[in-house]
Amino acid sequence: MSSPSQKTSYRGAQFLSAVLDLVPALRRHALESVEAEDFTTEPFRIVYKTLLEIPGLDTIDGREALGLALRDQSVANGSLNGEFGRGVQLAILDIDTDRSTGDMAFPLAKSLREDRFRAETCAIFSRLAKETKTAPLETIQASLQEIYQPEIDLFVRIEHPHRRLKEVA
């Protein structure tokens, strides 16, 4: 069984592959239904942002043509170089070899948002469990107040992706 991070990264590859398969008019809408932070690894976040930068995102016809435009834009913005360059190359390869279809894009986007909510919630519960054992009650209460609204915002965003987060959780 794969870890949640591996599962979500793969789901991220599936989502971005499905976006490549969408008709041009729907691509930006699909991409904007998630946020970079919904991807668990930096290379997929970079590819996501790069796709949004492609000048012809809404007009380039065909999966292969958009894949070539993604590579060209990655070269132009330098994302194939630097600290994450190799990871970005591998992410593009994963996306290119995955054959998810356009009809899967929006359900996969929802899954990415759900995965992020679950991961954030698990991290918070782990932190609170540790704090609860030893921290003063005031600290526990402050922690609960601090996390309550951001978690609600993440949860609401699962069904309402147009509600962008003010801050990254």
Protein backbone atom coordinates (compact mmCIF):
# COMPACT_ATOMS: atom_id res chain seq x y z
CA MET A 1 0.00 0.00 0.00
CA SER A 2 1.31 3.44 -0.88
CA SER A 3 1.66 6.28 1.55
CA PRO A 4 -0.80 9.20 1.35
CA SER A 5 1.92 11.38 -0.16
CA GLN A 6 2.64 8.88 -2.94
CA LYS A 7 -1.07 8.39 -3.59
CA THR A 8 -1.70 12.13 -3.81
CA SER A 9 1.32 12.75 -6.03
CA TYR A 10 0.07 10.09 -8.39
CA ARG A 11 -3.41 11.61 -8.22
CA GLY A 12 -1.74 14.92 -9.03
CA ALA A 13 -0.18 13.37 -12.14
CA GLN A 14 -3.57 11.95 -13.11
CA PHE A 15 -5.24 15.33 -12.64
CA LEU A 16 -2.68 17.24 -14.69
CA SER A 17 -2.82 14.55 -17.37
CA ALA A 18 -6.61 14.87 -17.46
CA VAL A 19 -6.25 18.65 -17.83
CA LEU A 20 -4.05 18.08 -20.90
CA ASP A 21 -6.90 16.04 -22.36
CA LEU A 22 -9.60 18.67 -21.76
CA VAL A 23 -10.92 20.91 -24.49
CA PRO A 24 -9.00 24.20 -24.40
CA ALA A 25 -11.94 26.21 -23.04
CA LEU A 26 -12.11 24.11 -19.84
CA ARG A 27 -8.41 23.83 -18.96
CA ARG A 28 -8.01 27.04 -16.98
CA HIS A 29 -11.26 26.41 -15.11
CA ALA A 30 -10.03 22.94 -14.11
CA LEU A 31 -6.62 24.24 -13.06
CA GLU A 32 -8.17 27.04 -11.03
CA SER A 33 -10.33 24.53 -9.14
CA VAL A 34 -7.20 23.50 -7.22
CA GLU A 35 -4.28 25.36 -5.65
CA ALA A 36 -0.59 24.59 -5.90
CA GLU A 37 -0.64 23.52 -2.24
CA ASP A 38 -3.12 20.75 -3.11
CA PHE A 39 -0.19 18.87 -4.68
CA THR A 40 2.00 17.09 -2.15
CA THR A 41 5.34 17.58 -3.90
CA GLU A 42 7.06 20.73 -5.10
CA PRO A 43 7.74 19.43 -8.65
CA PHE A 44 4.01 18.93 -9.26
CA ARG A 45 3.32 22.38 -7.80
CA ILE A 46 5.85 23.85 -10.23
CA VAL A 47 4.31 22.01 -13.20
CA TYR A 48 0.85 23.20 -12.12
CA LYS A 49 2.02 26.83 -11.98
CA THR A 50 3.84 26.43 -15.30
CA LEU A 51 0.68 25.17 -16.99
CA LEU A 52 -1.14 28.29 -15.81
CA GLU A 53 1.63 30.42 -17.41
CA ILE A 54 1.32 28.89 -20.90
CA PRO A 55 0.24 31.69 -23.24
CA GLY A 56 -1.99 29.44 -25.37
CA LEU A 57 -3.50 27.37 -22.56
CA ASP A 58 -7.02 28.28 -23.66
CA THR A 59 -6.38 27.85 -27.38
CA ILE A 60 -3.78 25.12 -28.00
CA ASP A 61 -5.59 22.17 -29.50
CA GLY A 62 -4.63 18.64 -28.50
CA ARG A 63 -2.91 16.83 -25.68
CA GLU A 64 0.46 16.46 -27.44
CA ALA A 65 0.61 20.10 -28.50
CA LEU A 66 -0.13 21.25 -24.95
CA GLY A 67 2.49 18.81 -23.62
CA LEU A 68 5.06 20.39 -25.93
CA ALA A 69 3.98 23.86 -24.82
CA LEU A 70 4.44 22.74 -21.19
CA ARG A 71 8.00 21.64 -21.94
CA ASP A 72 8.73 24.90 -23.80
CA GLN A 73 7.31 27.00 -20.94
CA SER A 74 9.32 24.94 -18.39
CA VAL A 75 12.50 25.72 -20.32
CA ALA A 76 11.54 29.39 -20.64
CA ASN A 77 10.80 29.88 -16.93
CA GLY A 78 13.82 27.83 -15.82
CA SER A 79 11.83 25.28 -13.82
CA LEU A 80 13.81 22.41 -15.39
CA ASN A 81 16.95 23.79 -13.76
CA GLY A 82 17.79 24.39 -10.14
CA GLU A 83 16.91 22.52 -7.00
CA PHE A 84 13.76 20.83 -8.31
CA GLY A 85 14.72 20.56 -12.00
CA ARG A 86 15.07 16.78 -12.05
CA GLY A 87 11.86 16.36 -10.06
CA VAL A 88 10.01 18.62 -12.51
CA GLN A 89 11.32 16.53 -15.42
CA LEU A 90 10.07 13.36 -13.72
CA ALA A 91 6.71 14.96 -12.92
CA ILE A 92 6.26 15.94 -16.58
CA LEU A 93 7.19 12.39 -17.59
CA ASP A 94 4.61 10.98 -15.13
CA ILE A 95 1.96 13.32 -16.52
CA ASP A 96 2.92 12.49 -20.10
CA THR A 97 2.74 8.72 -19.57
CA ASP A 98 -0.53 8.84 -17.66
CA ARG A 99 -3.53 8.67 -19.97
CA SER A 100 -6.27 10.10 -17.77
CA THR A 101 -9.10 11.50 -19.81
CA GLY A 102 -10.58 14.97 -19.59
CA ASP A 103 -13.79 13.72 -17.98
CA MET A 104 -11.73 12.75 -14.93
CA ALA A 105 -10.28 16.24 -14.35
CA PHE A 106 -12.94 17.70 -12.06
CA PRO A 107 -13.45 14.55 -9.92
CA LEU A 108 -9.65 14.31 -9.55
CA ALA A 109 -9.51 17.99 -8.57
CA LYS A 110 -12.03 17.30 -5.83
CA SER A 111 -9.95 14.33 -4.66
CA LEU A 112 -6.85 16.53 -4.47
CA ARG A 113 -8.72 19.03 -2.31
CA GLU A 114 -10.02 16.21 -0.09
CA ASP A 115 -6.52 14.74 0.27
CA ARG A 116 -5.13 18.09 1.36
CA PHE A 117 -7.91 18.54 3.91
CA ARG A 118 -7.29 15.05 5.33
CA ALA A 119 -3.52 15.56 5.50
CA GLU A 120 -3.86 18.96 7.18
CA THR A 121 -6.40 17.60 9.66
CA CYS A 122 -4.21 14.61 10.56
CA ALA A 123 -1.23 16.89 11.12
CA ILE A 124 -3.28 19.15 13.37
CA PHE A 125 -4.68 16.27 15.40
CA SER A 126 -1.18 14.85 15.84
CA ARG A 127 0.11 18.21 17.05
CA LEU A 128 -2.86 18.68 19.38
CA ALA A 129 -2.49 15.18 20.80
CA LYS A 130 1.11 15.97 21.74
CA GLU A 131 0.23 19.39 23.16
CA THR A 132 -2.73 18.07 25.14
CA LYS A 133 -0.50 15.77 27.17
CA THR A 134 1.83 18.44 28.51
CA ALA A 135 0.89 21.97 27.49
CA PRO A 136 -0.95 24.40 29.75
CA LEU A 137 -4.69 24.61 29.10
CA GLU A 138 -4.33 28.15 27.75
CA THR A 139 -1.94 26.89 25.07
CA ILE A 140 -4.34 24.11 24.09
CA GLN A 141 -7.25 26.53 23.91
CA ALA A 142 -5.22 28.99 21.81
CA SER A 143 -4.20 26.18 19.46
CA LEU A 144 -7.80 25.10 18.99
CA GLN A 145 -8.91 28.65 18.20
CA GLU A 146 -5.99 29.11 15.82
CA ILE A 147 -6.82 26.05 13.70
CA TYR A 148 -10.60 25.93 13.79
CA GLN A 149 -11.41 28.42 10.99
CA PRO A 150 -8.61 27.40 8.57
CA GLU A 151 -9.79 23.78 8.76
CA ILE A 152 -13.38 24.81 8.10
CA ASP A 153 -12.17 26.83 5.09
CA LEU A 154 -10.29 23.79 3.75
CA PHE A 155 -13.36 21.58 4.24
CA VAL A 156 -15.73 24.02 2.52
CA ARG A 157 -13.31 24.32 -0.40
CA ILE A 158 -13.71 20.60 -1.17
CA GLU A 159 -17.20 21.22 -2.56
CA HIS A 160 -16.72 24.90 -3.44
CA PRO A 161 -13.33 25.24 -5.16
CA HIS A 162 -14.01 28.84 -6.19
CA ARG A 163 -13.55 29.82 -2.52
CA ARG A 164 -9.82 30.50 -2.58
CA LEU A 165 -7.96 30.31 0.69
CA LYS A 166 -6.71 33.59 2.10
CA GLU A 167 -3.63 31.90 3.51
CA VAL A 168 -2.05 28.55 2.88
CA ALA A 169 -3.02 26.23 5.72
